[in-house]
N, C-alpha and C. Protein backbone atom coordinates (compact mmCIF):
# COMPACT_ATOMS: atom_id res chain seq x y z
N MET A 1 53.32 74.54 -58.23
CA MET A 1 54.69 74.64 -57.81
C MET A 1 55.14 73.25 -57.33
N ARG A 2 56.33 72.88 -57.69
CA ARG A 2 56.89 71.58 -57.32
C ARG A 2 57.74 71.71 -56.06
N LYS A 3 57.71 70.62 -55.29
CA LYS A 3 58.54 70.58 -54.09
C LYS A 3 59.91 70.02 -54.46
N VAL A 4 60.91 70.57 -53.88
CA VAL A 4 62.28 70.11 -54.10
C VAL A 4 62.81 69.58 -52.77
N GLU A 5 63.40 68.39 -52.83
CA GLU A 5 63.97 67.80 -51.63
C GLU A 5 65.49 67.81 -51.76
N VAL A 6 66.13 68.35 -50.80
CA VAL A 6 67.59 68.41 -50.79
C VAL A 6 68.10 67.18 -50.04
N VAL A 7 69.04 66.47 -50.67
CA VAL A 7 69.62 65.26 -50.07
C VAL A 7 71.13 65.40 -50.00
N LYS A 8 71.69 64.62 -49.13
CA LYS A 8 73.15 64.62 -48.99
C LYS A 8 73.75 63.69 -50.04
N PRO A 9 74.99 63.92 -50.44
CA PRO A 9 75.62 63.07 -51.47
C PRO A 9 75.69 61.60 -51.07
N LYS A 10 75.79 61.32 -49.79
CA LYS A 10 75.87 59.93 -49.34
C LYS A 10 74.54 59.20 -49.51
N GLU A 11 73.44 59.93 -49.61
CA GLU A 11 72.11 59.33 -49.74
C GLU A 11 71.76 58.97 -51.18
N VAL A 12 72.55 59.44 -52.12
CA VAL A 12 72.29 59.20 -53.54
C VAL A 12 72.97 57.90 -53.97
N GLU A 13 72.19 57.05 -54.66
CA GLU A 13 72.73 55.79 -55.16
C GLU A 13 73.22 55.99 -56.59
N VAL A 14 74.44 55.59 -56.86
CA VAL A 14 75.03 55.76 -58.19
C VAL A 14 75.20 54.39 -58.81
N LYS A 15 74.64 54.22 -60.03
CA LYS A 15 74.77 52.96 -60.77
C LYS A 15 75.43 53.24 -62.11
N PRO A 16 76.21 52.30 -62.61
CA PRO A 16 76.78 52.50 -63.95
C PRO A 16 75.68 52.43 -65.01
N PHE A 17 75.85 53.19 -66.05
CA PHE A 17 74.88 53.23 -67.15
C PHE A 17 74.99 51.95 -67.97
N SER A 18 73.87 51.30 -68.19
CA SER A 18 73.84 50.08 -69.00
C SER A 18 72.86 50.28 -70.15
N LEU A 19 73.35 50.21 -71.37
CA LEU A 19 72.51 50.41 -72.54
C LEU A 19 71.44 49.33 -72.67
N ASP A 20 71.71 48.13 -72.16
CA ASP A 20 70.75 47.03 -72.24
C ASP A 20 69.47 47.32 -71.46
N ASP A 21 69.53 48.21 -70.50
CA ASP A 21 68.34 48.57 -69.74
C ASP A 21 67.34 49.35 -70.59
N PHE A 22 67.79 49.94 -71.69
CA PHE A 22 66.94 50.79 -72.51
C PHE A 22 66.66 50.22 -73.90
N THR A 23 67.15 49.04 -74.21
CA THR A 23 66.92 48.44 -75.52
C THR A 23 66.31 47.06 -75.36
N GLN A 24 65.59 46.63 -76.39
CA GLN A 24 65.01 45.29 -76.38
C GLN A 24 66.01 44.33 -77.03
N SER A 25 66.01 43.13 -76.56
CA SER A 25 66.91 42.14 -77.15
C SER A 25 66.32 41.63 -78.46
N LYS A 26 67.15 41.09 -79.33
CA LYS A 26 66.68 40.58 -80.62
C LYS A 26 65.80 39.35 -80.46
N ALA A 27 66.00 38.60 -79.41
CA ALA A 27 65.20 37.39 -79.20
C ALA A 27 63.72 37.74 -79.03
N LYS A 28 63.42 38.85 -78.43
CA LYS A 28 62.03 39.26 -78.25
C LYS A 28 61.40 39.67 -79.58
N SER A 29 62.15 40.32 -80.45
CA SER A 29 61.59 40.81 -81.70
C SER A 29 61.33 39.70 -82.71
N SER A 30 62.04 38.60 -82.62
CA SER A 30 61.85 37.52 -83.57
C SER A 30 61.26 36.29 -82.90
N SER A 31 60.33 36.50 -82.00
CA SER A 31 59.77 35.38 -81.25
C SER A 31 58.72 34.60 -82.05
N MET A 32 58.17 35.20 -83.11
CA MET A 32 57.16 34.52 -83.90
C MET A 32 57.82 33.45 -84.75
N GLY A 33 57.32 32.22 -84.68
CA GLY A 33 57.96 31.13 -85.39
C GLY A 33 57.13 30.55 -86.50
N LYS A 34 55.81 30.55 -86.37
CA LYS A 34 54.96 29.95 -87.38
C LYS A 34 53.80 30.86 -87.72
N VAL A 35 53.27 30.67 -88.90
CA VAL A 35 52.11 31.42 -89.37
C VAL A 35 51.03 30.41 -89.72
N SER A 36 49.82 30.67 -89.31
CA SER A 36 48.74 29.72 -89.60
C SER A 36 48.02 30.10 -90.89
N LYS A 37 47.37 29.10 -91.48
CA LYS A 37 46.59 29.34 -92.69
C LYS A 37 45.46 30.32 -92.41
N LYS A 38 44.88 30.20 -91.24
CA LYS A 38 43.77 31.07 -90.85
C LYS A 38 44.22 32.54 -90.84
N GLU A 39 45.40 32.80 -90.30
CA GLU A 39 45.94 34.16 -90.28
C GLU A 39 46.18 34.69 -91.69
N LEU A 40 46.72 33.83 -92.55
CA LEU A 40 46.98 34.25 -93.93
C LEU A 40 45.69 34.52 -94.69
N LYS A 41 44.68 33.67 -94.48
CA LYS A 41 43.39 33.87 -95.15
C LYS A 41 42.73 35.17 -94.69
N SER A 42 42.76 35.44 -93.41
CA SER A 42 42.15 36.67 -92.91
C SER A 42 42.91 37.89 -93.40
N LEU A 43 44.23 37.80 -93.50
CA LEU A 43 45.02 38.91 -94.04
C LEU A 43 44.71 39.14 -95.51
N ALA A 44 44.58 38.06 -96.28
CA ALA A 44 44.26 38.19 -97.70
C ALA A 44 42.88 38.83 -97.89
N LYS A 45 41.92 38.42 -97.07
CA LYS A 45 40.58 39.02 -97.15
C LYS A 45 40.62 40.49 -96.79
N LYS A 46 41.39 40.80 -95.75
CA LYS A 46 41.51 42.19 -95.30
C LYS A 46 42.10 43.08 -96.39
N LEU A 47 43.06 42.52 -97.14
CA LEU A 47 43.71 43.28 -98.21
C LEU A 47 42.96 43.21 -99.54
N GLY A 48 41.89 42.40 -99.57
CA GLY A 48 41.10 42.28 -100.79
C GLY A 48 41.78 41.46 -101.87
N LEU A 49 42.57 40.47 -101.49
CA LEU A 49 43.30 39.65 -102.45
C LEU A 49 42.58 38.34 -102.71
N ASP A 50 42.63 37.88 -103.96
CA ASP A 50 42.10 36.56 -104.30
C ASP A 50 43.19 35.53 -104.01
N TYR A 51 42.79 34.36 -103.54
CA TYR A 51 43.76 33.34 -103.20
C TYR A 51 43.15 31.95 -103.35
N SER A 52 44.05 30.98 -103.49
CA SER A 52 43.63 29.58 -103.50
C SER A 52 44.31 28.87 -102.33
N ASP A 53 43.86 27.67 -102.03
CA ASP A 53 44.46 26.93 -100.92
C ASP A 53 45.93 26.59 -101.19
N GLU A 54 46.27 26.36 -102.47
CA GLU A 54 47.66 26.07 -102.81
C GLU A 54 48.54 27.29 -102.55
N GLN A 55 48.04 28.47 -102.89
CA GLN A 55 48.81 29.69 -102.66
C GLN A 55 48.99 29.96 -101.17
N ILE A 56 47.95 29.70 -100.39
CA ILE A 56 48.03 29.90 -98.95
C ILE A 56 49.05 28.93 -98.34
N GLU A 57 49.02 27.68 -98.78
CA GLU A 57 49.96 26.67 -98.26
C GLU A 57 51.40 27.05 -98.60
N PHE A 58 51.64 27.48 -99.85
CA PHE A 58 52.99 27.88 -100.26
C PHE A 58 53.46 29.10 -99.46
N THR A 59 52.59 30.07 -99.30
CA THR A 59 52.94 31.28 -98.55
C THR A 59 53.25 30.95 -97.10
N LYS A 60 52.48 30.05 -96.51
CA LYS A 60 52.71 29.62 -95.13
C LYS A 60 54.10 29.00 -94.98
N LYS A 61 54.46 28.11 -95.88
CA LYS A 61 55.78 27.47 -95.84
C LYS A 61 56.89 28.49 -96.03
N LEU A 62 56.70 29.38 -96.97
CA LEU A 62 57.71 30.39 -97.28
C LEU A 62 57.95 31.32 -96.08
N ILE A 63 56.90 31.81 -95.47
CA ILE A 63 57.04 32.72 -94.33
C ILE A 63 57.63 32.00 -93.13
N THR A 64 57.24 30.76 -92.90
CA THR A 64 57.77 29.99 -91.77
C THR A 64 59.27 29.79 -91.91
N VAL A 65 59.74 29.45 -93.10
CA VAL A 65 61.18 29.27 -93.33
C VAL A 65 61.90 30.61 -93.19
N TYR A 66 61.31 31.68 -93.70
CA TYR A 66 61.92 33.00 -93.60
C TYR A 66 62.09 33.40 -92.13
N LEU A 67 61.05 33.21 -91.32
CA LEU A 67 61.12 33.58 -89.91
C LEU A 67 62.09 32.70 -89.13
N ALA A 68 62.24 31.45 -89.54
CA ALA A 68 63.17 30.54 -88.85
C ALA A 68 64.63 30.96 -89.08
N HIS A 69 64.94 31.49 -90.25
CA HIS A 69 66.33 31.85 -90.56
C HIS A 69 66.62 33.33 -90.32
N ARG A 70 65.71 34.04 -89.79
CA ARG A 70 65.87 35.46 -89.57
C ARG A 70 66.69 35.77 -88.38
């Protein structure tokens, strides 16, 4: 059984509803700026993909530019 506490209306604090209190800002979601070759190589191995150093370098540049303009 739960206890219920009765309070007077003057004791209750009323604040306006702000939607920002319940949502994340876009700056937090796009905080990643660069991708390392090491991360790309480990991801390729995890997915079972064959790759060369040229492909990793190109992918790194491509993802970095994509994240910068996002």
